[in-house]
């Protein structure tokens, strides 16, 4: 199974079949308090970036929804300072990438983006949101899977290795603050195209 097929299966087709709930952007607000624990108890600094990953639909109506997302974020930039841009990765998935040093504004903006898709009837196209944190020169992530309605940690390292110890430490410390994915089979690795970069870069 190729990487793209694996992503489709775990975050897409199979996750849809095993979905525990419909896409609910309200779950993203859980990160508004969890990041405090990340900083105070675990020594992680927010990287000032988050990204919404979704799969495209071949219709003008869907493109209108994408345009509306970017229009809303552009209009809100003056108030929140959150910068947004679009990205398509090497696997063909689309991303709304957000940058803001104010973490709560970052959460609010990515919620707006996800909620706009849901309100337009395209919640099923949403795959995941990633929140980036930095510690000791490494980027670790909290991944929210829309199909599963749960978070899981992802700690990528060079050579497409995962720091399992870091992931389980994140899980144990954030259990109770976030709705966590209990089935590790769904802790899917979203590898960046290049080592040392974010999955959306």
N, C-alpha and C. Protein backbone atom coordinates (compact mmCIF):
# COMPACT_ATOMS: atom_id res chain seq x y z
N UNK A 1 0.84 -1.19 0.00
CA UNK A 1 0.00 0.00 0.00
C UNK A 1 0.88 1.24 0.00
N UNK A 2 0.63 2.16 -0.91
CA UNK A 2 1.40 3.38 -0.99
C UNK A 2 1.01 4.37 0.08
N UNK A 3 1.83 5.41 0.22
CA UNK A 3 1.58 6.42 1.24
C UNK A 3 0.24 7.10 1.03
N UNK A 4 -0.06 7.45 -0.22
CA UNK A 4 -1.32 8.13 -0.51
C UNK A 4 -2.49 7.22 -0.20
N UNK A 5 -2.37 5.95 -0.58
CA UNK A 5 -3.46 5.01 -0.28
C UNK A 5 -3.66 4.87 1.22
N UNK A 6 -2.53 4.85 1.96
CA UNK A 6 -2.63 4.73 3.41
C UNK A 6 -3.35 5.91 4.02
N UNK A 7 -3.04 7.10 3.54
CA UNK A 7 -3.70 8.30 4.06
C UNK A 7 -5.18 8.25 3.76
N UNK A 8 -5.51 7.87 2.54
CA UNK A 8 -6.93 7.79 2.17
C UNK A 8 -7.66 6.77 3.05
N UNK A 9 -6.98 5.65 3.34
CA UNK A 9 -7.65 4.61 4.10
C UNK A 9 -7.85 5.03 5.55
N UNK A 10 -6.79 5.56 6.18
CA UNK A 10 -6.85 5.82 7.61
C UNK A 10 -7.61 7.09 7.93
N UNK A 11 -7.38 8.16 7.15
CA UNK A 11 -8.09 9.41 7.42
C UNK A 11 -9.33 9.57 6.56
N UNK A 12 -9.47 8.72 5.56
CA UNK A 12 -10.56 8.88 4.63
C UNK A 12 -11.55 7.74 4.62
N UNK A 13 -11.40 6.82 3.67
CA UNK A 13 -12.41 5.79 3.42
C UNK A 13 -12.67 4.93 4.64
N UNK A 14 -11.59 4.34 5.21
CA UNK A 14 -11.80 3.45 6.34
C UNK A 14 -12.29 4.22 7.55
N UNK A 15 -11.72 5.41 7.77
CA UNK A 15 -12.15 6.21 8.92
C UNK A 15 -13.60 6.61 8.78
N UNK A 16 -14.04 6.86 7.54
CA UNK A 16 -15.44 7.21 7.34
C UNK A 16 -16.33 6.03 7.70
N UNK A 17 -15.89 4.82 7.33
CA UNK A 17 -16.67 3.64 7.67
C UNK A 17 -16.71 3.41 9.17
N UNK A 18 -15.59 3.75 9.85
CA UNK A 18 -15.50 3.56 11.29
C UNK A 18 -15.76 4.85 12.06
N UNK A 19 -16.32 5.84 11.38
CA UNK A 19 -16.50 7.15 11.99
C UNK A 19 -17.33 7.05 13.26
N UNK A 20 -16.88 7.80 14.27
CA UNK A 20 -17.61 7.83 15.52
C UNK A 20 -18.60 8.99 15.57
N UNK A 21 -18.43 9.96 14.68
CA UNK A 21 -19.32 11.13 14.64
C UNK A 21 -19.08 11.90 13.35
N UNK A 22 -19.99 12.82 13.05
CA UNK A 22 -19.78 13.71 11.92
C UNK A 22 -18.71 14.74 12.30
N UNK A 23 -18.13 15.37 11.29
CA UNK A 23 -17.12 16.40 11.53
C UNK A 23 -17.70 17.49 12.44
N UNK A 24 -17.00 17.77 13.52
CA UNK A 24 -17.46 18.77 14.47
C UNK A 24 -16.32 19.73 14.79
N UNK A 25 -16.27 20.89 14.13
CA UNK A 25 -15.19 21.84 14.37
C UNK A 25 -15.12 22.35 15.81
N UNK A 26 -16.21 22.21 16.57
CA UNK A 26 -16.18 22.68 17.95
C UNK A 26 -15.11 21.96 18.76
N UNK A 27 -14.76 20.74 18.37
CA UNK A 27 -13.73 19.98 19.07
C UNK A 27 -12.38 20.69 19.04
N UNK A 28 -12.18 21.54 18.04
CA UNK A 28 -10.89 22.21 17.90
C UNK A 28 -10.61 23.15 19.06
N UNK A 29 -11.65 23.64 19.71
CA UNK A 29 -11.46 24.57 20.81
C UNK A 29 -10.80 23.91 22.02
N UNK A 30 -10.79 22.58 22.06
CA UNK A 30 -10.08 21.89 23.13
C UNK A 30 -8.61 22.24 23.18
N UNK A 31 -8.05 22.61 22.03
CA UNK A 31 -6.64 22.95 21.99
C UNK A 31 -6.36 24.31 22.62
N UNK A 32 -7.41 25.12 22.83
CA UNK A 32 -7.23 26.45 23.42
C UNK A 32 -6.71 26.38 24.85
N UNK A 33 -7.02 25.30 25.55
CA UNK A 33 -6.50 25.12 26.91
C UNK A 33 -5.35 24.11 26.94
N UNK A 34 -5.39 23.15 26.04
CA UNK A 34 -4.35 22.10 26.05
C UNK A 34 -2.97 22.68 25.78
N UNK A 35 -2.88 23.74 24.99
CA UNK A 35 -1.56 24.29 24.67
C UNK A 35 -0.88 24.85 25.91
N UNK A 36 -1.67 25.27 26.92
CA UNK A 36 -1.09 25.77 28.17
C UNK A 36 -0.36 24.63 28.89
N UNK A 37 -0.96 23.46 28.91
CA UNK A 37 -0.31 22.28 29.49
C UNK A 37 0.94 21.92 28.70
N UNK A 38 0.86 22.03 27.39
CA UNK A 38 2.03 21.75 26.55
C UNK A 38 3.21 22.63 26.94
N UNK A 39 2.93 23.90 27.20
CA UNK A 39 4.00 24.83 27.56
C UNK A 39 4.45 24.65 29.00
N UNK A 40 3.51 24.68 29.92
CA UNK A 40 3.84 24.72 31.34
C UNK A 40 4.39 23.40 31.87
N UNK A 41 3.80 22.29 31.43
CA UNK A 41 4.17 20.99 31.98
C UNK A 41 5.15 20.21 31.13
N UNK A 42 5.17 20.46 29.83
CA UNK A 42 5.98 19.64 28.93
C UNK A 42 7.07 20.40 28.20
N UNK A 43 7.09 21.73 28.33
CA UNK A 43 8.16 22.51 27.73
C UNK A 43 8.06 22.70 26.23
N UNK A 44 6.86 22.53 25.69
CA UNK A 44 6.65 22.75 24.25
C UNK A 44 6.23 24.19 24.01
N UNK A 45 6.78 24.79 22.96
CA UNK A 45 6.37 26.13 22.55
C UNK A 45 5.50 26.02 21.30
N UNK A 46 4.35 26.70 21.27
CA UNK A 46 3.57 26.70 20.03
C UNK A 46 4.43 27.24 18.89
N UNK A 47 4.37 26.56 17.75
CA UNK A 47 5.18 26.96 16.60
C UNK A 47 4.55 28.11 15.82
N UNK A 48 3.33 28.52 16.22
CA UNK A 48 2.66 29.61 15.53
C UNK A 48 2.06 29.20 14.20
N UNK A 49 1.87 27.91 14.01
CA UNK A 49 1.29 27.42 12.76
C UNK A 49 0.31 26.29 13.02
N UNK A 50 -0.74 26.26 12.22
CA UNK A 50 -1.70 25.17 12.20
C UNK A 50 -2.17 25.02 10.76
N UNK A 51 -2.71 23.87 10.43
CA UNK A 51 -3.14 23.65 9.05
C UNK A 51 -4.33 22.71 8.99
N UNK A 52 -5.25 23.04 8.11
CA UNK A 52 -6.44 22.24 7.86
C UNK A 52 -6.24 21.49 6.55
N UNK A 53 -6.34 20.17 6.62
CA UNK A 53 -6.16 19.32 5.43
C UNK A 53 -7.52 18.82 4.95
N UNK A 54 -7.75 18.91 3.64
CA UNK A 54 -9.01 18.44 3.09
C UNK A 54 -8.80 17.88 1.69
N UNK A 55 -9.75 17.09 1.24
CA UNK A 55 -9.70 16.55 -0.12
C UNK A 55 -10.65 17.35 -1.00
N UNK A 56 -10.20 17.63 -2.20
CA UNK A 56 -10.97 18.44 -3.13
C UNK A 56 -12.17 17.68 -3.68
N UNK A 57 -13.16 18.42 -4.10
CA UNK A 57 -14.30 17.86 -4.83
C UNK A 57 -14.38 18.60 -6.16
N UNK A 58 -14.64 17.88 -7.21
CA UNK A 58 -14.63 18.46 -8.56
C UNK A 58 -15.99 19.09 -8.86
N UNK A 59 -16.21 20.27 -8.26
CA UNK A 59 -17.45 20.98 -8.52
C UNK A 59 -17.23 22.47 -8.27
N UNK A 60 -17.97 23.29 -8.99
CA UNK A 60 -17.85 24.74 -8.80
C UNK A 60 -18.39 25.13 -7.42
N UNK A 61 -19.38 24.38 -6.92
CA UNK A 61 -19.94 24.68 -5.61
C UNK A 61 -18.89 24.49 -4.52
N UNK A 62 -18.09 23.43 -4.64
CA UNK A 62 -17.04 23.19 -3.66
C UNK A 62 -15.97 24.27 -3.75
N UNK A 63 -15.61 24.65 -4.97
CA UNK A 63 -14.61 25.70 -5.14
C UNK A 63 -15.11 27.01 -4.55
N UNK A 64 -16.41 27.24 -4.66
CA UNK A 64 -16.99 28.43 -4.03
C UNK A 64 -16.80 28.39 -2.51
N UNK A 65 -16.94 27.19 -1.94
CA UNK A 65 -16.75 27.04 -0.49
C UNK A 65 -15.29 27.32 -0.12
N UNK A 66 -14.36 26.82 -0.93
CA UNK A 66 -12.93 27.06 -0.68
C UNK A 66 -12.64 28.57 -0.76
N UNK A 67 -13.20 29.21 -1.78
CA UNK A 67 -13.00 30.65 -1.94
C UNK A 67 -13.57 31.42 -0.75
N UNK A 68 -14.72 30.94 -0.24
CA UNK A 68 -15.34 31.60 0.90
C UNK A 68 -14.46 31.48 2.14
N UNK A 69 -13.86 30.30 2.32
CA UNK A 69 -12.95 30.10 3.46
C UNK A 69 -11.82 31.12 3.42
N UNK A 70 -11.19 31.26 2.26
CA UNK A 70 -10.06 32.19 2.15
C UNK A 70 -10.52 33.64 2.28
N UNK A 71 -11.72 33.94 1.78
CA UNK A 71 -12.24 35.30 1.91
C UNK A 71 -12.49 35.65 3.37
N UNK A 72 -13.05 34.70 4.13
CA UNK A 72 -13.31 34.92 5.56
C UNK A 72 -12.00 35.14 6.30
N UNK A 73 -11.01 34.30 6.01
CA UNK A 73 -9.73 34.41 6.70
C UNK A 73 -9.01 35.71 6.32
N UNK A 74 -9.11 36.08 5.07
CA UNK A 74 -8.48 37.33 4.64
C UNK A 74 -9.14 38.53 5.33
N UNK A 75 -10.47 38.48 5.43
CA UNK A 75 -11.19 39.57 6.08
C UNK A 75 -10.86 39.65 7.57
N UNK A 76 -10.61 38.49 8.18
CA UNK A 76 -10.32 38.46 9.60
C UNK A 76 -8.89 38.75 9.96
N UNK A 77 -8.00 38.78 8.95
CA UNK A 77 -6.58 38.98 9.24
C UNK A 77 -6.30 40.29 9.95
N UNK A 78 -7.02 41.34 9.55
CA UNK A 78 -6.79 42.64 10.17
C UNK A 78 -7.13 42.62 11.65
N UNK A 79 -8.17 41.87 12.01
CA UNK A 79 -8.59 41.82 13.41
C UNK A 79 -7.73 40.86 14.23
N UNK A 80 -7.44 39.67 13.68
CA UNK A 80 -6.73 38.65 14.45
C UNK A 80 -5.24 38.61 14.18
N UNK A 81 -4.83 39.10 13.01
CA UNK A 81 -3.41 39.00 12.64
C UNK A 81 -3.04 37.64 12.09
N UNK A 82 -4.02 36.76 11.93
CA UNK A 82 -3.75 35.42 11.41
C UNK A 82 -3.58 35.45 9.90
N UNK A 83 -2.42 35.02 9.44
CA UNK A 83 -2.16 34.96 8.00
C UNK A 83 -2.53 33.57 7.49
N UNK A 84 -3.08 33.52 6.29
CA UNK A 84 -3.51 32.24 5.73
C UNK A 84 -3.07 32.13 4.28
N UNK A 85 -2.72 30.92 3.88
CA UNK A 85 -2.44 30.67 2.47
C UNK A 85 -2.81 29.24 2.13
N UNK A 86 -3.00 29.00 0.85
CA UNK A 86 -3.37 27.67 0.36
C UNK A 86 -2.13 26.90 -0.06
N UNK A 87 -2.19 25.59 0.10
CA UNK A 87 -1.08 24.73 -0.30
C UNK A 87 -1.64 23.40 -0.78
N UNK A 88 -1.06 22.85 -1.83
CA UNK A 88 -1.38 21.49 -2.28
C UNK A 88 -0.11 20.67 -2.17
N UNK A 89 -0.17 19.57 -1.43
CA UNK A 89 1.04 18.79 -1.20
C UNK A 89 1.29 17.81 -2.34
N UNK A 90 2.41 17.09 -2.23
CA UNK A 90 2.83 16.18 -3.29
C UNK A 90 1.87 15.00 -3.45
N UNK A 91 1.04 14.76 -2.45
CA UNK A 91 0.08 13.65 -2.52
C UNK A 91 -1.26 14.09 -3.09
N UNK A 92 -1.39 15.40 -3.37
CA UNK A 92 -2.61 15.90 -3.98
C UNK A 92 -3.65 16.41 -2.99
N UNK A 93 -3.30 16.47 -1.70
CA UNK A 93 -4.23 16.99 -0.72
C UNK A 93 -4.08 18.50 -0.58
N UNK A 94 -5.19 19.16 -0.27
CA UNK A 94 -5.19 20.60 -0.13
C UNK A 94 -5.12 20.99 1.33
N UNK A 95 -4.48 22.13 1.58
CA UNK A 95 -4.30 22.62 2.94
C UNK A 95 -4.66 24.10 3.01
N UNK A 96 -5.25 24.50 4.12
CA UNK A 96 -5.34 25.90 4.49
C UNK A 96 -4.33 26.07 5.63
N UNK A 97 -3.26 26.79 5.36
CA UNK A 97 -2.17 26.94 6.32
C UNK A 97 -2.30 28.29 7.03
N UNK A 98 -2.27 28.26 8.34
CA UNK A 98 -2.49 29.46 9.15
C UNK A 98 -1.25 29.76 10.00
N UNK A 99 -0.92 31.03 10.11
CA UNK A 99 0.22 31.46 10.90
C UNK A 99 -0.18 32.60 11.82
N UNK A 100 0.11 32.44 13.12
CA UNK A 100 -0.22 33.47 14.10
C UNK A 100 0.51 33.14 15.40
N UNK A 101 1.19 34.11 15.98
CA UNK A 101 1.88 33.89 17.25
C UNK A 101 0.91 33.83 18.42
N UNK A 102 -0.31 34.32 18.23
CA UNK A 102 -1.34 34.23 19.26
C UNK A 102 -2.08 32.90 19.05
N UNK A 103 -1.84 31.94 19.95
CA UNK A 103 -2.36 30.59 19.73
C UNK A 103 -3.88 30.55 19.71
N UNK A 104 -4.51 31.33 20.56
CA UNK A 104 -5.98 31.29 20.61
C UNK A 104 -6.58 31.85 19.33
N UNK A 105 -5.94 32.86 18.74
CA UNK A 105 -6.41 33.36 17.44
C UNK A 105 -6.22 32.29 16.36
N UNK A 106 -5.15 31.53 16.48
CA UNK A 106 -4.89 30.45 15.53
C UNK A 106 -6.01 29.41 15.59
N UNK A 107 -6.38 29.03 16.81
CA UNK A 107 -7.46 28.05 16.98
C UNK A 107 -8.77 28.60 16.43
N UNK A 108 -9.06 29.86 16.73
CA UNK A 108 -10.30 30.47 16.26
C UNK A 108 -10.35 30.50 14.73
N UNK A 109 -9.24 30.84 14.11
CA UNK A 109 -9.22 30.94 12.65
C UNK A 109 -9.37 29.58 11.98
N UNK A 110 -8.71 28.55 12.51
CA UNK A 110 -8.84 27.23 11.89
C UNK A 110 -10.25 26.69 12.12
N UNK A 111 -10.87 27.06 13.24
CA UNK A 111 -12.27 26.68 13.48
C UNK A 111 -13.18 27.34 12.45
N UNK A 112 -12.97 28.64 12.19
CA UNK A 112 -13.77 29.33 11.18
C UNK A 112 -13.67 28.61 9.83
N UNK A 113 -12.45 28.24 9.46
CA UNK A 113 -12.24 27.58 8.17
C UNK A 113 -12.99 26.26 8.11
N UNK A 114 -12.83 25.43 9.14
CA UNK A 114 -13.50 24.12 9.16
C UNK A 114 -15.01 24.27 9.20
N UNK A 115 -15.49 25.21 10.01
CA UNK A 115 -16.93 25.40 10.15
C UNK A 115 -17.57 25.88 8.85
N UNK A 116 -16.83 26.66 8.08
CA UNK A 116 -17.34 27.14 6.80
C UNK A 116 -17.57 25.97 5.84
N UNK A 117 -16.64 25.02 5.84
CA UNK A 117 -16.82 23.82 5.00
C UNK A 117 -18.05 23.03 5.46
N UNK A 118 -18.20 22.88 6.76
CA UNK A 118 -19.34 22.12 7.29
C UNK A 118 -20.65 22.80 6.92
N UNK A 119 -20.72 24.12 7.12
CA UNK A 119 -21.94 24.86 6.82
C UNK A 119 -22.28 24.81 5.33
N UNK A 120 -21.27 24.68 4.49
CA UNK A 120 -21.50 24.59 3.04
C UNK A 120 -21.85 23.17 2.61
N UNK A 121 -21.87 22.24 3.56
CA UNK A 121 -22.23 20.86 3.24
C UNK A 121 -21.06 19.99 2.85
N UNK A 122 -19.84 20.43 3.15
CA UNK A 122 -18.65 19.67 2.75
C UNK A 122 -17.83 19.20 3.95
N UNK A 123 -18.48 18.95 5.06
CA UNK A 123 -17.76 18.42 6.21
C UNK A 123 -17.09 17.10 5.93
N UNK A 124 -17.66 16.32 5.01
CA UNK A 124 -17.08 15.01 4.70
C UNK A 124 -15.75 15.12 3.95
N UNK A 125 -15.43 16.31 3.44
CA UNK A 125 -14.16 16.50 2.74
C UNK A 125 -13.02 16.83 3.70
N UNK A 126 -13.37 17.16 4.95
CA UNK A 126 -12.35 17.52 5.93
C UNK A 126 -11.65 16.26 6.44
N UNK A 127 -10.33 16.30 6.44
CA UNK A 127 -9.56 15.15 6.90
C UNK A 127 -8.96 15.37 8.29
N UNK A 128 -8.20 16.46 8.44
CA UNK A 128 -7.51 16.65 9.71
C UNK A 128 -7.10 18.11 9.89
N UNK A 129 -6.86 18.46 11.14
CA UNK A 129 -6.19 19.71 11.50
C UNK A 129 -4.93 19.34 12.27
N UNK A 130 -3.83 20.00 11.96
CA UNK A 130 -2.58 19.80 12.67
C UNK A 130 -2.18 21.08 13.38
N UNK A 131 -1.83 20.95 14.66
CA UNK A 131 -1.29 22.06 15.44
C UNK A 131 0.18 21.74 15.72
N UNK A 132 1.06 22.66 15.36
CA UNK A 132 2.50 22.42 15.48
C UNK A 132 3.07 23.00 16.77
N UNK A 133 3.95 22.21 17.40
CA UNK A 133 4.67 22.64 18.60
C UNK A 133 6.15 22.34 18.41
N UNK A 134 6.98 23.11 19.10
CA UNK A 134 8.42 22.94 18.95
C UNK A 134 9.08 22.69 20.30
N UNK A 135 10.04 21.76 20.31
CA UNK A 135 10.80 21.48 21.53
C UNK A 135 12.15 20.90 21.12
N UNK A 136 13.22 21.54 21.56
CA UNK A 136 14.56 21.02 21.29
C UNK A 136 14.90 20.92 19.81
N UNK A 137 14.31 21.80 19.02
CA UNK A 137 14.60 21.79 17.59
C UNK A 137 13.74 20.85 16.78
N UNK A 138 12.86 20.10 17.42
CA UNK A 138 11.96 19.18 16.72
C UNK A 138 10.54 19.74 16.73
N UNK A 139 9.80 19.44 15.66
CA UNK A 139 8.38 19.77 15.60
C UNK A 139 7.56 18.53 15.92
N UNK A 140 6.66 18.66 16.88
CA UNK A 140 5.69 17.62 17.17
C UNK A 140 4.30 18.21 16.96
N UNK A 141 3.33 17.34 16.75
CA UNK A 141 2.00 17.80 16.35
C UNK A 141 0.90 17.12 17.14
N UNK A 142 -0.18 17.87 17.32
CA UNK A 142 -1.44 17.27 17.67
C UNK A 142 -2.28 17.26 16.40
N UNK A 143 -2.74 16.07 16.05
CA UNK A 143 -3.56 15.88 14.85
C UNK A 143 -5.00 15.63 15.28
N UNK A 144 -5.91 16.40 14.71
CA UNK A 144 -7.33 16.14 14.95
C UNK A 144 -7.93 15.50 13.71
N UNK A 145 -8.44 14.29 13.85
CA UNK A 145 -9.08 13.58 12.75
C UNK A 145 -10.58 13.86 12.77
N UNK A 146 -11.07 14.50 11.71
CA UNK A 146 -12.50 14.81 11.64
C UNK A 146 -13.35 13.54 11.55
N UNK A 147 -12.85 12.53 10.86
CA UNK A 147 -13.64 11.32 10.68
C UNK A 147 -13.79 10.54 11.98
N UNK A 148 -12.78 10.66 12.86
CA UNK A 148 -12.82 9.94 14.12
C UNK A 148 -13.26 10.81 15.29
N UNK A 149 -13.25 12.14 15.08
CA UNK A 149 -13.64 13.04 16.16
C UNK A 149 -12.71 12.97 17.35
N UNK A 150 -11.41 12.82 17.08
CA UNK A 150 -10.45 12.65 18.16
C UNK A 150 -9.07 13.16 17.75
N UNK A 151 -8.27 13.45 18.77
CA UNK A 151 -6.89 13.90 18.58
C UNK A 151 -5.92 12.73 18.78
N UNK A 152 -4.76 12.85 18.14
CA UNK A 152 -3.65 11.95 18.46
C UNK A 152 -2.33 12.70 18.24
N UNK A 153 -1.26 12.30 18.94
CA UNK A 153 0.02 12.97 18.79
C UNK A 153 0.83 12.38 17.64
N UNK A 154 1.65 13.21 17.04
CA UNK A 154 2.53 12.76 15.96
C UNK A 154 3.88 13.45 16.15
N UNK A 155 4.93 12.65 16.37
CA UNK A 155 6.27 13.18 16.61
C UNK A 155 7.23 12.62 15.54
N UNK A 156 7.28 13.28 14.36
CA UNK A 156 8.14 12.77 13.28
C UNK A 156 9.61 13.10 13.52
N UNK A 157 10.48 12.20 13.08
CA UNK A 157 11.91 12.43 13.16
C UNK A 157 12.55 12.08 11.82
N UNK A 158 13.81 12.42 11.68
CA UNK A 158 14.52 12.18 10.41
C UNK A 158 14.44 10.71 10.02
N UNK A 159 14.41 10.49 8.70
CA UNK A 159 14.35 9.13 8.19
C UNK A 159 13.00 8.48 8.33
N UNK A 160 11.96 9.32 8.46
CA UNK A 160 10.59 8.84 8.62
C UNK A 160 10.47 7.88 9.81
N UNK A 161 11.12 8.30 10.90
CA UNK A 161 10.98 7.60 12.18
C UNK A 161 10.05 8.41 13.07
N UNK A 162 9.41 7.73 14.00
CA UNK A 162 8.54 8.40 14.97
C UNK A 162 9.15 8.26 16.35
N UNK A 163 9.05 9.32 17.14
CA UNK A 163 9.49 9.28 18.52
C UNK A 163 8.31 8.80 19.36
N UNK A 164 8.21 7.50 19.51
CA UNK A 164 7.06 6.90 20.21
C UNK A 164 7.01 7.34 21.65
N UNK A 165 8.17 7.51 22.28
CA UNK A 165 8.19 7.93 23.69
C UNK A 165 7.57 9.31 23.83
N UNK A 166 7.90 10.21 22.92
CA UNK A 166 7.33 11.56 22.96
C UNK A 166 5.83 11.50 22.73
N UNK A 167 5.39 10.67 21.79
CA UNK A 167 3.96 10.57 21.50
C UNK A 167 3.18 10.05 22.71
N UNK A 168 3.70 9.02 23.36
CA UNK A 168 2.98 8.46 24.50
C UNK A 168 3.02 9.41 25.70
N UNK A 169 4.08 10.20 25.82
CA UNK A 169 4.12 11.20 26.90
C UNK A 169 3.07 12.28 26.66
N UNK A 170 2.95 12.70 25.40
CA UNK A 170 1.92 13.68 25.07
C UNK A 170 0.53 13.11 25.35
N UNK A 171 0.32 11.87 24.95
CA UNK A 171 -0.98 11.23 25.17
C UNK A 171 -1.31 11.19 26.67
N UNK A 172 -0.36 10.75 27.48
CA UNK A 172 -0.65 10.58 28.91
C UNK A 172 -0.89 11.91 29.61
N UNK A 173 -0.18 12.96 29.16
CA UNK A 173 -0.32 14.26 29.82
C UNK A 173 -1.55 15.03 29.37
N UNK A 174 -2.04 14.77 28.16
CA UNK A 174 -3.21 15.51 27.65
C UNK A 174 -4.50 14.71 27.75
N UNK A 175 -4.40 13.48 28.22
CA UNK A 175 -5.60 12.67 28.41
C UNK A 175 -6.49 13.36 29.44
N UNK A 176 -7.72 13.63 29.07
CA UNK A 176 -8.63 14.34 29.94
C UNK A 176 -8.85 15.78 29.51
N UNK A 177 -7.84 16.35 28.84
CA UNK A 177 -7.99 17.70 28.29
C UNK A 177 -8.47 17.66 26.85
N UNK A 178 -8.06 16.63 26.13
CA UNK A 178 -8.46 16.46 24.74
C UNK A 178 -9.20 15.14 24.59
N UNK A 179 -10.09 15.06 23.62
CA UNK A 179 -10.71 13.78 23.27
C UNK A 179 -9.70 13.02 22.41
N UNK A 180 -9.09 12.00 23.00
CA UNK A 180 -8.00 11.30 22.34
C UNK A 180 -8.46 10.05 21.61
N UNK A 181 -7.78 9.74 20.52
CA UNK A 181 -8.02 8.52 19.76
C UNK A 181 -7.40 7.35 20.53
N UNK A 182 -8.25 6.46 21.00
CA UNK A 182 -7.76 5.34 21.81
C UNK A 182 -7.21 4.20 20.98
N UNK A 183 -7.56 4.14 19.71
CA UNK A 183 -7.08 3.08 18.82
C UNK A 183 -5.84 3.58 18.08
N UNK A 184 -4.66 3.11 18.48
CA UNK A 184 -3.41 3.60 17.89
C UNK A 184 -3.30 3.27 16.40
N UNK A 185 -4.13 2.39 15.91
CA UNK A 185 -4.15 2.10 14.48
C UNK A 185 -4.48 3.35 13.68
N UNK A 186 -5.17 4.29 14.32
CA UNK A 186 -5.57 5.52 13.65
C UNK A 186 -4.61 6.69 13.92
N UNK A 187 -3.48 6.41 14.57
CA UNK A 187 -2.46 7.43 14.75
C UNK A 187 -1.62 7.51 13.48
N UNK A 188 -2.21 7.97 12.42
CA UNK A 188 -1.55 7.90 11.13
C UNK A 188 -0.46 8.97 11.00
N UNK A 189 0.73 8.58 10.51
CA UNK A 189 1.82 9.55 10.33
C UNK A 189 1.62 10.40 9.07
N UNK A 190 1.62 11.70 9.23
CA UNK A 190 1.49 12.61 8.10
C UNK A 190 2.89 13.17 7.80
N UNK A 191 3.66 12.38 7.07
CA UNK A 191 5.06 12.73 6.84
C UNK A 191 5.19 13.96 5.95
N UNK A 192 6.12 14.84 6.28
CA UNK A 192 6.41 15.97 5.39
C UNK A 192 7.11 15.48 4.13
N UNK A 193 7.01 16.28 3.06
CA UNK A 193 7.68 15.91 1.82
C UNK A 193 9.20 15.96 1.99
N UNK A 194 9.67 16.85 2.88
CA UNK A 194 11.09 16.97 3.14
C UNK A 194 11.36 16.96 4.63
N UNK A 195 12.43 16.30 5.04
CA UNK A 195 12.77 16.19 6.45
C UNK A 195 12.96 17.58 7.06
N UNK A 196 12.45 17.74 8.28
CA UNK A 196 12.62 19.01 8.97
C UNK A 196 11.58 20.04 8.64
N UNK A 197 10.65 19.72 7.76
CA UNK A 197 9.59 20.64 7.38
C UNK A 197 8.25 20.14 7.92
N UNK A 198 7.26 21.04 7.91
CA UNK A 198 5.93 20.64 8.31
C UNK A 198 5.30 19.74 7.23
N UNK A 199 4.31 18.93 7.61
CA UNK A 199 3.65 18.06 6.61
C UNK A 199 3.03 18.84 5.45
N UNK A 200 2.70 20.11 5.68
CA UNK A 200 2.07 20.92 4.62
C UNK A 200 3.09 21.75 3.87
N UNK A 201 4.37 21.64 4.20
CA UNK A 201 5.38 22.48 3.55
C UNK A 201 6.07 21.75 2.41
